[in-house]
N, C-alpha and C. Protein backbone atom coordinates (compact mmCIF):
# COMPACT_ATOMS: atom_id res chain seq x y z
N UNK A 1 37.40 62.89 -131.35
CA UNK A 1 35.99 62.06 -131.01
C UNK A 1 36.50 60.46 -131.03
N UNK A 2 36.77 60.35 -132.14
CA UNK A 2 36.76 58.34 -131.66
C UNK A 2 37.95 58.02 -130.78
N UNK A 3 39.19 58.59 -130.68
CA UNK A 3 39.93 58.11 -129.11
C UNK A 3 39.12 58.11 -127.88
N UNK A 4 38.51 59.21 -127.65
CA UNK A 4 36.98 59.47 -126.50
C UNK A 4 36.03 58.28 -126.40
N UNK A 5 35.12 57.54 -127.72
CA UNK A 5 34.81 56.87 -127.85
C UNK A 5 35.60 55.55 -127.55
N UNK A 6 36.47 55.14 -127.65
CA UNK A 6 37.32 53.83 -127.94
C UNK A 6 37.35 53.79 -125.88
N UNK A 7 38.09 55.04 -125.54
CA UNK A 7 38.45 54.96 -124.12
C UNK A 7 37.07 54.60 -123.32
N UNK A 8 35.66 55.00 -123.32
CA UNK A 8 34.74 54.76 -122.70
C UNK A 8 34.09 53.60 -123.21
N UNK A 9 34.63 52.90 -124.52
CA UNK A 9 34.46 51.37 -124.59
C UNK A 9 34.92 50.77 -123.87
N UNK A 10 36.45 51.01 -123.45
CA UNK A 10 37.72 49.89 -123.28
C UNK A 10 37.57 50.06 -121.60
N UNK A 11 36.79 51.14 -121.10
CA UNK A 11 36.53 51.35 -119.86
C UNK A 11 35.11 50.42 -119.16
N UNK A 12 34.30 50.29 -120.56
CA UNK A 12 32.98 49.46 -119.92
C UNK A 12 33.31 48.11 -119.08
N UNK A 13 34.42 47.39 -120.10
CA UNK A 13 34.19 45.94 -119.67
C UNK A 13 35.01 45.88 -117.75
N UNK A 14 35.78 47.26 -117.62
CA UNK A 14 36.76 47.25 -116.17
C UNK A 14 34.99 47.98 -115.54
N UNK A 15 34.64 48.49 -115.76
CA UNK A 15 33.14 49.09 -114.83
C UNK A 15 32.25 47.15 -114.58
N UNK A 16 32.15 46.93 -115.37
CA UNK A 16 31.20 46.18 -115.42
C UNK A 16 31.64 44.95 -114.49
N UNK A 17 32.98 44.61 -114.23
CA UNK A 17 34.13 43.67 -113.22
C UNK A 17 33.82 44.44 -112.14
N UNK A 18 34.61 46.05 -111.70
CA UNK A 18 33.81 46.51 -110.61
C UNK A 18 32.85 46.39 -109.66
N UNK A 19 31.98 46.52 -110.53
CA UNK A 19 30.62 45.91 -110.23
C UNK A 19 29.82 45.02 -109.62
N UNK A 20 30.61 44.04 -110.67
CA UNK A 20 30.31 42.47 -110.23
C UNK A 20 31.22 42.33 -109.17
N UNK A 21 32.30 42.85 -108.57
CA UNK A 21 33.44 42.49 -107.31
C UNK A 21 32.63 42.98 -106.31
N UNK A 22 31.78 44.27 -106.66
CA UNK A 22 31.41 45.23 -105.34
C UNK A 22 30.20 44.29 -105.26
N UNK A 23 29.38 43.53 -106.02
CA UNK A 23 28.19 42.69 -105.71
C UNK A 23 28.70 41.61 -105.09
N UNK A 24 29.59 40.61 -105.22
CA UNK A 24 30.51 39.83 -104.53
C UNK A 24 30.61 40.35 -103.06
N UNK A 25 31.40 40.97 -103.13
CA UNK A 25 31.31 41.60 -101.28
C UNK A 25 30.29 41.76 -100.69
N UNK A 26 29.29 42.51 -101.23
CA UNK A 26 27.91 42.76 -100.23
C UNK A 26 26.99 41.30 -100.54
N UNK A 27 27.17 40.22 -101.16
CA UNK A 27 26.59 39.32 -101.13
C UNK A 27 27.52 38.36 -99.82
N UNK A 28 28.34 38.61 -99.82
CA UNK A 28 29.52 37.61 -98.84
C UNK A 28 29.35 38.58 -97.42
N UNK A 29 29.35 39.62 -97.36
CA UNK A 29 28.89 40.59 -95.92
C UNK A 29 27.46 40.25 -95.48
N UNK A 30 26.56 39.82 -96.63
CA UNK A 30 24.96 40.00 -95.94
C UNK A 30 24.60 38.50 -96.51
N UNK A 31 25.38 37.67 -96.13
CA UNK A 31 25.16 36.08 -95.98
C UNK A 31 24.40 35.46 -97.30
N UNK A 32 24.47 36.08 -98.50
CA UNK A 32 23.74 36.14 -99.65
C UNK A 32 24.32 34.95 -100.69
N UNK A 33 25.61 34.40 -100.45
CA UNK A 33 26.42 33.15 -101.14
C UNK A 33 26.15 32.21 -99.71
N UNK A 34 26.12 30.84 -100.34
CA UNK A 34 25.68 29.70 -99.93
C UNK A 34 27.18 29.29 -99.50
N UNK A 35 27.60 28.39 -98.67
CA UNK A 35 28.93 28.05 -98.48
C UNK A 35 29.03 26.65 -98.13
N UNK A 36 30.30 26.28 -98.85
CA UNK A 36 30.43 24.67 -98.43
C UNK A 36 31.23 24.74 -97.31
N UNK A 37 31.76 23.67 -96.47
CA UNK A 37 32.06 23.82 -95.59
C UNK A 37 33.58 23.69 -95.59
N UNK A 38 34.08 23.77 -96.96
CA UNK A 38 35.69 24.20 -97.00
C UNK A 38 35.79 25.62 -96.83
N UNK A 39 34.67 26.64 -97.09
CA UNK A 39 34.39 27.94 -97.45
C UNK A 39 34.69 28.34 -95.83
N UNK A 40 33.44 27.86 -95.18
CA UNK A 40 34.04 27.62 -93.60
C UNK A 40 34.90 27.86 -92.54
N UNK A 41 36.04 26.92 -93.32
CA UNK A 41 37.14 27.00 -92.11
C UNK A 41 38.01 28.18 -92.63
N UNK A 42 37.55 28.81 -94.16
CA UNK A 42 38.99 30.10 -94.34
C UNK A 42 38.41 31.11 -93.52
N UNK A 43 36.92 31.53 -92.91
CA UNK A 43 36.63 32.51 -92.30
C UNK A 43 36.92 32.80 -91.32
N UNK A 44 37.34 33.83 -90.69
CA UNK A 44 38.34 33.93 -89.23
C UNK A 44 37.31 33.82 -87.98
N UNK A 45 37.68 33.03 -87.21
CA UNK A 45 37.06 32.62 -85.91
C UNK A 45 37.40 33.05 -84.67
N UNK A 46 37.13 34.12 -84.01
CA UNK A 46 36.51 34.96 -82.94
C UNK A 46 37.41 33.93 -81.95
N UNK A 47 38.47 34.34 -81.21
CA UNK A 47 38.66 33.60 -80.14
C UNK A 47 37.49 33.83 -79.06
N UNK A 48 37.55 33.00 -78.31
CA UNK A 48 36.93 33.30 -76.55
C UNK A 48 37.84 33.70 -75.75
N UNK A 49 37.38 34.66 -74.97
CA UNK A 49 37.59 35.98 -74.11
C UNK A 49 37.33 35.03 -72.54
N UNK A 50 38.18 35.02 -72.06
CA UNK A 50 38.22 34.90 -70.62
C UNK A 50 38.53 35.94 -69.86
N UNK A 51 37.87 36.83 -68.63
CA UNK A 51 38.10 37.96 -68.41
C UNK A 51 37.61 37.46 -66.15
N UNK A 52 38.48 38.04 -65.73
CA UNK A 52 38.43 38.06 -65.03
C UNK A 52 38.43 39.45 -64.00
N UNK A 53 38.38 39.69 -62.73
CA UNK A 53 38.56 40.80 -61.83
C UNK A 53 38.66 40.69 -60.34
N UNK A 54 39.81 40.93 -59.88
CA UNK A 54 40.22 41.20 -58.68
C UNK A 54 39.68 42.42 -57.89
N UNK A 55 39.85 42.00 -56.61
CA UNK A 55 40.13 43.66 -55.85
C UNK A 55 41.52 44.08 -55.56
N UNK A 56 42.14 45.20 -55.58
CA UNK A 56 43.23 45.29 -55.39
C UNK A 56 43.62 46.44 -54.01
N UNK A 57 44.38 46.67 -53.41
CA UNK A 57 44.99 47.65 -52.38
C UNK A 57 46.13 48.53 -53.19
N UNK A 58 45.48 49.97 -52.81
CA UNK A 58 46.39 51.04 -53.19
C UNK A 58 47.22 51.52 -52.27
N UNK A 59 48.70 51.08 -51.94
CA UNK A 59 49.58 51.95 -50.67
C UNK A 59 50.74 52.73 -51.23
N UNK A 60 50.78 53.90 -51.05
CA UNK A 60 51.80 55.08 -51.49
C UNK A 60 51.98 54.90 -52.72
N UNK A 61 50.85 54.86 -53.84
CA UNK A 61 50.61 54.56 -54.93
C UNK A 61 51.68 52.94 -55.74
N UNK A 62 51.59 52.21 -54.60
CA UNK A 62 51.67 51.12 -55.24
C UNK A 62 50.35 49.68 -55.27
N UNK A 63 50.71 49.07 -55.84
CA UNK A 63 49.79 48.13 -56.26
C UNK A 63 49.64 46.66 -55.92
N UNK A 64 48.86 46.57 -54.56
CA UNK A 64 48.96 45.23 -53.89
C UNK A 64 47.71 44.19 -54.52
N UNK A 65 48.23 43.21 -55.16
CA UNK A 65 47.53 42.23 -55.76
C UNK A 65 47.34 40.97 -54.73
N UNK A 66 46.09 40.26 -54.86
CA UNK A 66 46.39 39.08 -54.00
C UNK A 66 46.24 38.01 -55.03
N UNK A 67 46.93 37.10 -54.60
CA UNK A 67 47.70 36.27 -55.82
C UNK A 67 47.15 34.82 -55.26
N UNK A 68 47.39 33.46 -55.70
CA UNK A 68 46.82 32.27 -55.28
C UNK A 68 47.87 31.56 -56.32
N UNK A 69 49.10 30.79 -55.30
CA UNK A 69 50.27 29.94 -55.83
C UNK A 69 49.57 28.23 -55.32
N UNK A 70 49.84 27.64 -56.02
CA UNK A 70 49.95 26.06 -56.37
C UNK A 70 47.92 25.58 -55.88
N UNK A 71 47.35 26.76 -56.38
CA UNK A 71 45.92 26.02 -56.54
C UNK A 71 45.51 26.56 -54.95
N UNK A 72 46.36 26.73 -53.69
CA UNK A 72 45.98 26.68 -52.17
C UNK A 72 46.50 27.43 -51.55
N UNK A 73 47.73 28.18 -51.74
CA UNK A 73 48.29 29.05 -51.12
C UNK A 73 48.19 30.93 -51.36
N UNK A 74 47.38 31.33 -50.64
CA UNK A 74 47.10 32.92 -50.73
C UNK A 74 48.48 33.79 -50.29
N UNK A 75 48.57 35.05 -51.10
CA UNK A 75 49.45 35.91 -50.89
C UNK A 75 49.30 36.88 -51.52
N UNK A 76 49.80 38.35 -50.73
CA UNK A 76 49.68 39.18 -51.98
C UNK A 76 51.19 39.89 -52.41
N UNK A 77 51.09 40.23 -53.71
CA UNK A 77 52.25 40.67 -54.58
C UNK A 77 52.00 42.24 -54.68
N UNK A 78 52.97 42.45 -54.93
CA UNK A 78 53.26 43.78 -55.59
C UNK A 78 53.11 44.18 -56.89
N UNK A 79 52.25 44.93 -57.85
CA UNK A 79 52.17 45.12 -59.31
C UNK A 79 53.77 45.30 -59.81
N UNK A 80 54.65 44.64 -60.48
CA UNK A 80 55.57 45.90 -61.05
C UNK A 80 55.77 45.11 -62.40
N UNK A 81 55.29 45.86 -63.23
CA UNK A 81 55.08 45.40 -64.78
C UNK A 81 56.66 45.90 -65.55
N UNK A 82 57.69 46.56 -64.44
CA UNK A 82 58.73 46.58 -64.63
C UNK A 82 59.87 45.75 -64.31
N UNK A 83 59.54 44.50 -63.44
CA UNK A 83 59.70 43.73 -63.52
C UNK A 83 60.04 42.26 -64.35
N UNK A 84 60.88 41.67 -65.08
CA UNK A 84 60.93 40.60 -66.20
C UNK A 84 60.18 39.22 -65.73
N UNK A 85 60.60 39.12 -64.66
CA UNK A 85 60.46 37.92 -64.14
C UNK A 85 59.74 38.27 -62.12
N UNK A 86 58.47 37.35 -62.27
CA UNK A 86 57.92 37.34 -60.94
C UNK A 86 59.05 36.57 -59.78
N UNK A 87 59.28 37.32 -58.70
CA UNK A 87 59.70 37.16 -57.54
C UNK A 87 58.66 37.04 -56.43
N UNK A 88 59.20 36.17 -55.64
CA UNK A 88 58.87 35.71 -54.26
C UNK A 88 60.07 35.50 -52.68
N UNK A 89 59.40 35.91 -51.94
CA UNK A 89 60.20 35.69 -50.81
C UNK A 89 60.38 34.69 -50.09
N UNK A 90 61.84 33.90 -50.04
CA UNK A 90 61.92 32.57 -49.26
C UNK A 90 61.21 32.53 -48.26
N UNK A 91 60.39 33.20 -47.42
CA UNK A 91 59.61 32.97 -46.51
C UNK A 91 58.28 32.44 -47.33
N UNK A 92 57.35 32.92 -48.40
CA UNK A 92 56.57 32.04 -48.89
C UNK A 92 57.25 30.88 -49.62
N UNK A 93 58.34 30.91 -50.07
CA UNK A 93 58.83 29.58 -50.77
C UNK A 93 58.46 28.79 -49.62
N UNK A 94 58.61 28.75 -48.34
CA UNK A 94 59.18 28.04 -46.86
C UNK A 94 57.63 27.40 -47.01
N UNK A 95 56.54 28.14 -47.13
CA UNK A 95 54.93 28.21 -46.23
C UNK A 95 54.29 27.23 -47.62
N UNK A 96 55.32 27.56 -48.93
CA UNK A 96 54.61 26.30 -49.87
C UNK A 96 55.28 25.22 -49.71
N UNK A 97 56.33 25.10 -49.02
CA UNK A 97 56.61 23.75 -48.82
C UNK A 97 58.27 23.79 -49.87
N UNK A 98 58.92 24.69 -50.72
CA UNK A 98 59.64 24.87 -51.50
C UNK A 98 60.67 25.47 -51.01
N UNK A 99 62.01 24.42 -50.85
CA UNK A 99 63.36 25.04 -50.64
C UNK A 99 63.97 25.74 -51.29
N UNK A 100 64.89 26.92 -50.75
CA UNK A 100 65.71 27.41 -51.82
C UNK A 100 66.62 26.67 -52.02
N UNK A 101 67.05 26.29 -53.51
CA UNK A 101 68.11 25.59 -53.96
C UNK A 101 69.09 26.09 -54.06
N UNK A 102 69.92 25.16 -53.09
CA UNK A 102 71.28 25.61 -52.86
C UNK A 102 72.25 25.66 -54.35
N UNK A 103 72.33 24.75 -55.04
CA UNK A 103 72.49 24.72 -56.27
C UNK A 103 71.85 24.25 -57.73
N UNK A 104 70.79 25.22 -57.20
CA UNK A 104 70.02 24.84 -58.09
C UNK A 104 69.83 26.19 -59.34
N UNK A 105 69.09 26.32 -60.23
CA UNK A 105 69.17 26.96 -61.68
C UNK A 105 69.43 28.58 -60.68
N UNK A 106 69.95 29.74 -61.25
CA UNK A 106 69.78 30.91 -60.77
C UNK A 106 69.55 31.95 -61.78
N UNK A 107 68.77 33.13 -61.43
CA UNK A 107 68.76 34.15 -62.55
C UNK A 107 69.98 35.29 -61.89
N UNK A 108 70.49 36.28 -63.32
CA UNK A 108 70.74 37.37 -62.66
C UNK A 108 69.96 38.82 -63.05
N UNK A 109 69.86 39.42 -61.86
CA UNK A 109 68.98 40.21 -62.41
C UNK A 109 69.44 41.78 -62.20
N UNK A 110 69.07 42.76 -62.98
CA UNK A 110 69.61 43.95 -62.32
C UNK A 110 68.14 44.83 -61.58
N UNK A 111 68.33 45.38 -60.57
CA UNK A 111 67.44 45.76 -59.89
C UNK A 111 67.18 47.38 -60.49
N UNK A 112 65.96 47.87 -60.05
CA UNK A 112 65.66 49.37 -60.25
C UNK A 112 66.70 50.09 -60.06
N UNK A 113 67.15 49.94 -58.60
CA UNK A 113 68.66 50.88 -58.44
C UNK A 113 69.72 50.56 -59.00
N UNK A 114 69.98 49.62 -60.42
CA UNK A 114 70.76 49.17 -61.01
C UNK A 114 72.21 48.06 -60.42
N UNK A 115 71.74 47.71 -59.51
CA UNK A 115 72.30 46.77 -58.92
C UNK A 115 71.88 45.29 -59.53
N UNK A 116 73.06 44.61 -59.64
CA UNK A 116 73.09 43.27 -59.88
C UNK A 116 73.06 42.18 -59.43
N UNK A 117 71.92 40.98 -58.95
CA UNK A 117 71.52 40.05 -57.57
C UNK A 117 71.14 38.84 -59.18
N UNK A 118 72.28 38.14 -57.91
CA UNK A 118 71.59 36.87 -58.49
C UNK A 118 70.94 36.24 -57.58
N UNK A 119 69.88 35.45 -58.28
CA UNK A 119 68.67 34.96 -57.48
C UNK A 119 68.68 33.50 -58.01
N UNK A 120 68.06 32.99 -56.22
CA UNK A 120 67.50 31.58 -57.53
C UNK A 120 66.55 31.10 -58.08
N UNK A 121 65.41 30.49 -58.44
CA UNK A 121 64.56 30.32 -59.09
C UNK A 121 63.76 28.86 -59.03
N UNK A 122 62.64 29.19 -58.37
CA UNK A 122 61.93 27.61 -58.42
C UNK A 122 60.95 27.69 -59.56
N UNK A 123 60.48 26.60 -59.70
CA UNK A 123 59.10 26.09 -60.42
C UNK A 123 57.64 25.91 -59.38
N UNK A 124 56.98 27.24 -59.93
CA UNK A 124 55.47 26.57 -59.07
C UNK A 124 54.66 25.56 -60.19
N UNK A 125 53.16 24.80 -59.62
CA UNK A 125 52.85 24.25 -60.54
C UNK A 125 51.71 24.97 -60.70
N UNK A 126 51.43 26.41 -60.36
CA UNK A 126 50.73 27.17 -60.56
C UNK A 126 50.51 28.18 -60.37
N UNK A 127 50.22 29.38 -60.68
CA UNK A 127 50.14 31.17 -60.07
C UNK A 127 49.03 31.83 -60.63
N UNK A 128 48.21 31.96 -59.59
CA UNK A 128 46.79 32.87 -60.24
C UNK A 128 46.40 34.02 -59.74
N UNK A 129 45.77 34.91 -60.55
CA UNK A 129 44.96 36.04 -59.87
C UNK A 129 43.54 35.60 -60.29
N UNK A 130 42.77 35.95 -59.53
CA UNK A 130 41.20 35.22 -60.08
C UNK A 130 41.23 34.00 -61.06
N UNK A 131 40.61 34.33 -61.82
CA UNK A 131 40.44 33.08 -62.61
C UNK A 131 41.48 33.20 -63.43
N UNK A 132 42.51 33.87 -64.10
CA UNK A 132 44.13 34.51 -64.65
C UNK A 132 44.44 33.14 -63.96
N UNK A 133 45.26 32.04 -64.82
CA UNK A 133 46.03 31.22 -64.15
C UNK A 133 46.93 30.36 -64.84
N UNK A 134 48.20 30.71 -64.61
CA UNK A 134 49.20 29.81 -65.73
C UNK A 134 49.97 28.77 -64.84
N UNK A 135 50.30 27.73 -65.12
CA UNK A 135 50.69 26.72 -64.59
C UNK A 135 52.54 26.35 -65.21
N UNK A 136 53.16 25.86 -64.14
CA UNK A 136 54.37 25.68 -64.46
C UNK A 136 55.11 27.06 -64.84
N UNK A 137 54.95 27.41 -63.15
CA UNK A 137 55.41 28.96 -63.72
C UNK A 137 56.80 28.87 -62.80
N UNK A 138 57.52 29.77 -63.47
CA UNK A 138 59.36 30.16 -62.75
C UNK A 138 59.38 31.23 -61.72
N UNK A 139 59.67 31.22 -60.79
CA UNK A 139 59.70 32.46 -60.21
C UNK A 139 60.91 32.72 -59.16
N UNK A 140 61.53 33.60 -59.09
CA UNK A 140 62.60 33.96 -58.70
C UNK A 140 62.63 34.32 -57.25
N UNK A 141 63.51 33.73 -56.37
CA UNK A 141 63.49 34.01 -55.11
C UNK A 141 64.19 35.60 -54.15
N UNK A 142 63.64 36.01 -53.61
CA UNK A 142 64.52 37.36 -53.22
C UNK A 142 63.51 37.85 -52.22
N UNK A 143 64.53 38.23 -51.00
CA UNK A 143 64.22 39.20 -49.76
C UNK A 143 63.69 40.26 -50.16
N UNK A 144 62.35 40.91 -50.26
CA UNK A 144 62.04 42.18 -50.02
C UNK A 144 61.97 42.92 -49.08
N UNK A 145 62.28 44.20 -49.05
CA UNK A 145 61.98 45.27 -47.84
C UNK A 145 60.74 45.21 -47.43
N UNK A 146 59.98 45.49 -46.45
CA UNK A 146 58.88 46.10 -45.92
C UNK A 146 58.45 47.30 -46.87
N UNK A 147 57.10 47.76 -47.43
CA UNK A 147 56.85 49.15 -47.80
C UNK A 147 56.28 49.90 -46.54
N UNK A 148 56.92 51.18 -47.29
CA UNK A 148 56.76 52.37 -45.98
C UNK A 148 55.55 52.53 -46.08
N UNK A 149 54.68 52.39 -45.41
CA UNK A 149 53.54 52.82 -44.86
C UNK A 149 53.29 52.85 -43.36
N UNK A 150 52.22 53.11 -43.18
CA UNK A 150 51.72 53.60 -41.43
C UNK A 150 50.70 52.52 -41.40
N UNK A 151 50.09 50.98 -40.94
CA UNK A 151 51.70 50.56 -40.43
C UNK A 151 52.63 49.70 -41.78
N UNK A 152 53.92 49.84 -41.59
CA UNK A 152 54.68 49.35 -42.66
C UNK A 152 54.14 47.80 -43.24
N UNK A 153 54.14 47.72 -44.85
CA UNK A 153 53.02 46.87 -45.25
C UNK A 153 54.65 45.60 -45.89
N UNK A 154 54.06 44.36 -45.32
CA UNK A 154 55.08 43.43 -45.86
C UNK A 154 54.37 42.44 -46.97
N UNK A 155 55.15 42.39 -48.15
CA UNK A 155 54.47 41.86 -49.76
C UNK A 155 55.36 40.60 -49.86
N UNK A 156 54.46 39.56 -50.13
CA UNK A 156 55.02 37.82 -50.51
C UNK A 156 55.91 38.10 -51.66
N UNK A 157 55.77 39.07 -52.78
CA UNK A 157 56.47 39.02 -53.68
C UNK A 157 56.43 39.85 -54.73
N UNK A 158 56.55 40.02 -55.94
CA UNK A 158 56.66 41.20 -56.87
C UNK A 158 55.50 39.73 -58.02
N UNK A 159 54.65 40.82 -58.47
CA UNK A 159 53.92 39.92 -60.15
C UNK A 159 54.35 40.77 -60.97
N UNK A 160 55.23 39.98 -61.63
CA UNK A 160 56.38 40.71 -63.05
C UNK A 160 55.05 40.84 -63.75
N UNK A 161 56.13 41.04 -65.31
CA UNK A 161 55.64 41.07 -66.73
C UNK A 161 55.69 40.24 -66.98
N UNK A 162 56.15 38.75 -66.71
CA UNK A 162 56.38 37.24 -66.88
C UNK A 162 54.89 37.11 -67.24
N UNK A 163 53.72 37.54 -65.82
CA UNK A 163 52.75 37.29 -65.55
C UNK A 163 52.00 37.85 -66.66
N UNK A 164 51.45 39.22 -65.87
CA UNK A 164 51.06 40.26 -66.58
C UNK A 164 50.76 40.66 -67.94
N UNK A 165 52.30 40.38 -68.82
CA UNK A 165 51.79 40.28 -70.05
C UNK A 165 51.67 38.98 -71.13
N UNK A 166 51.08 38.59 -70.05
CA UNK A 166 50.12 37.12 -71.04
C UNK A 166 48.57 37.66 -71.17
N UNK A 167 48.42 38.94 -70.12
CA UNK A 167 46.91 39.06 -70.13
C UNK A 167 46.70 40.88 -70.61
N UNK A 168 45.89 41.30 -71.14
CA UNK A 168 45.30 42.31 -71.57
C UNK A 168 45.04 43.17 -70.03
N UNK A 169 45.92 44.37 -69.41
CA UNK A 169 45.37 44.14 -68.00
C UNK A 169 44.68 45.63 -68.20
N UNK A 170 43.75 46.06 -67.14
CA UNK A 170 42.49 46.76 -66.99
C UNK A 170 43.13 47.42 -65.56
N UNK A 171 43.51 48.24 -65.03
CA UNK A 171 43.59 48.90 -63.28
C UNK A 171 42.55 50.09 -63.33
N UNK A 172 41.81 49.85 -62.61
CA UNK A 172 40.84 51.24 -62.02
C UNK A 172 41.12 50.93 -60.52
N UNK A 173 41.42 52.32 -60.56
CA UNK A 173 42.07 52.73 -59.14
C UNK A 173 41.00 52.74 -57.78
N UNK A 174 39.54 53.87 -58.75
CA UNK A 174 38.88 54.32 -58.19
C UNK A 174 38.07 53.20 -57.25
N UNK A 175 37.49 52.10 -58.04
CA UNK A 175 36.94 51.14 -58.10
C UNK A 175 37.54 49.87 -57.28
N UNK A 176 38.86 50.34 -57.32
CA UNK A 176 39.91 49.20 -56.52
C UNK A 176 40.06 47.73 -57.20
N UNK A 177 40.22 47.71 -58.39
CA UNK A 177 39.88 46.42 -59.24
C UNK A 177 41.27 46.65 -60.22
N UNK A 178 41.43 44.87 -60.39
CA UNK A 178 42.27 44.67 -61.52
C UNK A 178 41.55 43.87 -62.18
N UNK A 179 41.63 43.98 -63.65
CA UNK A 179 41.03 43.32 -64.51
C UNK A 179 42.42 42.45 -65.52
N UNK A 180 41.70 41.15 -65.36
CA UNK A 180 43.24 40.29 -66.65
C UNK A 180 42.09 39.73 -67.72
N UNK A 181 42.10 39.99 -68.71
CA UNK A 181 41.45 39.18 -70.02
C UNK A 181 42.57 38.48 -70.93
N UNK A 182 42.20 37.43 -71.34
CA UNK A 182 42.90 36.24 -71.74
C UNK A 182 42.30 35.97 -73.10
N UNK A 183 42.87 36.16 -74.35
CA UNK A 183 42.02 35.65 -75.31
C UNK A 183 42.91 34.24 -75.94
N UNK A 184 41.64 33.38 -75.81
CA UNK A 184 42.35 31.82 -75.98
C UNK A 184 42.20 31.81 -77.63
N UNK A 185 43.67 30.63 -78.06
CA UNK A 185 43.42 31.26 -79.13
C UNK A 185 42.26 29.97 -80.06
N UNK A 186 42.10 30.56 -81.31
CA UNK A 186 40.57 29.76 -82.07
C UNK A 186 40.93 28.14 -82.17
N UNK A 187 39.69 27.53 -81.95
CA UNK A 187 40.19 26.06 -81.95
C UNK A 187 40.36 25.53 -83.39
N UNK A 188 40.91 24.75 -84.11
CA UNK A 188 41.40 24.41 -84.95
C UNK A 188 40.57 22.99 -85.23
């Protein structure tokens, strides 16, 4: 009997601490504790969210996205989440006033067909889809074939994972929309 009484006595302080801990959690959850400025710095801050939605076209199960380059040049890119780098045609580069660098930087990429291709790269001031925009953005130059459709569709580039990977992306094929969501870092 004595041993049963001892374990009940020894567990009483533990139970009291557990009730005290639960009380603190409840107080903290319901704002019953006053906080100082230093306590506020320790609370997580939800990042701001920026969301943009654009109208897309679907042609032969391929998604065409409107993009804006360098703030003013509109183009149509094929969404290609399997591409590691965004690609644009030399024709579009010429429209932007960018020349294909003869001795400039190059990247070696493997095409979906398995073929290795060396491409020149240029840096854009910006690339945007709706209000989602990235500045100082590197793209590869490559002349793309037209898309098989009736009539055939010419695209200005491939929108790769280096762009769309910066966002949470939602495609709604029925509504014909692409939504990009960017989480800003919390202010410090």
